[in-house]
Amino acid sequence: MFSKISVKGSDKAPLYQYLTSTGGGEIQWNFTKFLVDKDGKVIKRFESAVTPDSPEVISAIEGALK
């Protein structure tokens, strides 16, 4: 379990500073998802309307595993 952290603004957590600088800009709403490769590079970003079990996410994960 993690504690609450900032994902926007001047006190943005370092993880989100990295994700938003390399993965498409600021987070617009809760539940933005990032697919990150084994080297830490952001491969794909999914906005909050995309569910974790959507075909789009599953396909991107399967593609990254090849």
Protein backbone atom coordinates (compact mmCIF):
# COMPACT_ATOMS: atom_id res chain seq x y z
CA MET A 1 0.00 0.00 0.00
CA PHE A 2 1.28 3.46 -0.84
CA SER A 3 0.54 6.78 0.75
CA LYS A 4 -1.06 9.62 -1.17
CA ILE A 5 1.36 11.65 -3.31
CA SER A 6 1.06 14.68 -5.56
CA VAL A 7 0.87 14.01 -9.28
CA LYS A 8 0.53 17.66 -10.33
CA GLY A 9 1.83 21.02 -9.23
CA SER A 10 5.00 22.27 -7.57
CA ASP A 11 5.15 19.36 -5.09
CA LYS A 12 4.75 16.65 -7.77
CA ALA A 13 6.38 13.36 -6.74
CA PRO A 14 9.63 12.50 -8.60
CA LEU A 15 8.01 9.49 -10.28
CA TYR A 16 5.33 11.68 -11.83
CA GLN A 17 7.86 14.36 -12.75
CA TYR A 18 9.58 11.68 -14.84
CA LEU A 19 6.42 10.08 -16.26
CA THR A 20 4.88 13.37 -17.35
CA SER A 21 8.14 14.72 -18.78
CA THR A 22 8.67 11.64 -20.97
CA GLY A 23 5.13 10.33 -21.40
CA GLY A 24 2.92 12.99 -22.91
CA GLY A 25 2.64 15.92 -20.53
CA GLU A 26 0.60 16.68 -17.45
CA ILE A 27 -1.99 14.30 -16.06
CA GLN A 28 -5.49 15.57 -16.79
CA TRP A 29 -7.53 13.35 -14.48
CA ASN A 30 -7.27 10.46 -12.01
CA PHE A 31 -6.27 6.99 -13.13
CA THR A 32 -3.95 7.90 -15.99
CA LYS A 33 -1.91 4.78 -16.69
CA PHE A 34 1.64 4.47 -18.05
CA LEU A 35 3.21 1.41 -19.66
CA VAL A 36 6.93 1.43 -18.92
CA ASP A 37 9.54 -0.90 -20.43
CA LYS A 38 12.27 -2.75 -18.54
CA ASP A 39 14.63 0.22 -19.03
CA GLY A 40 12.18 2.73 -17.55
CA LYS A 41 11.13 4.27 -20.86
CA VAL A 42 7.46 5.22 -21.19
CA ILE A 43 6.08 3.11 -24.05
CA LYS A 44 2.45 4.15 -23.94
CA ARG A 45 0.11 6.32 -21.92
CA PHE A 46 -3.58 5.58 -21.34
CA GLU A 47 -5.97 8.21 -20.07
CA SER A 48 -8.42 7.55 -17.24
CA ALA A 49 -11.30 6.45 -19.49
CA VAL A 50 -9.27 3.44 -20.65
CA THR A 51 -9.72 0.52 -18.26
CA PRO A 52 -6.74 -1.61 -17.21
CA ASP A 53 -8.31 -4.68 -18.81
CA SER A 54 -9.23 -2.99 -22.10
CA PRO A 55 -8.07 -4.62 -25.35
CA GLU A 56 -5.92 -1.54 -26.02
CA VAL A 57 -3.96 -1.98 -22.78
CA ILE A 58 -3.69 -5.75 -23.11
CA SER A 59 -2.42 -5.44 -26.68
CA ALA A 60 0.18 -2.85 -25.68
CA ILE A 61 1.43 -5.05 -22.82
CA GLU A 62 1.60 -8.11 -25.04
CA GLY A 63 3.49 -6.11 -27.67
CA ALA A 64 5.98 -4.86 -25.09
CA LEU A 65 6.67 -8.42 -23.93
CA LYS A 66 7.74 -9.58 -27.41
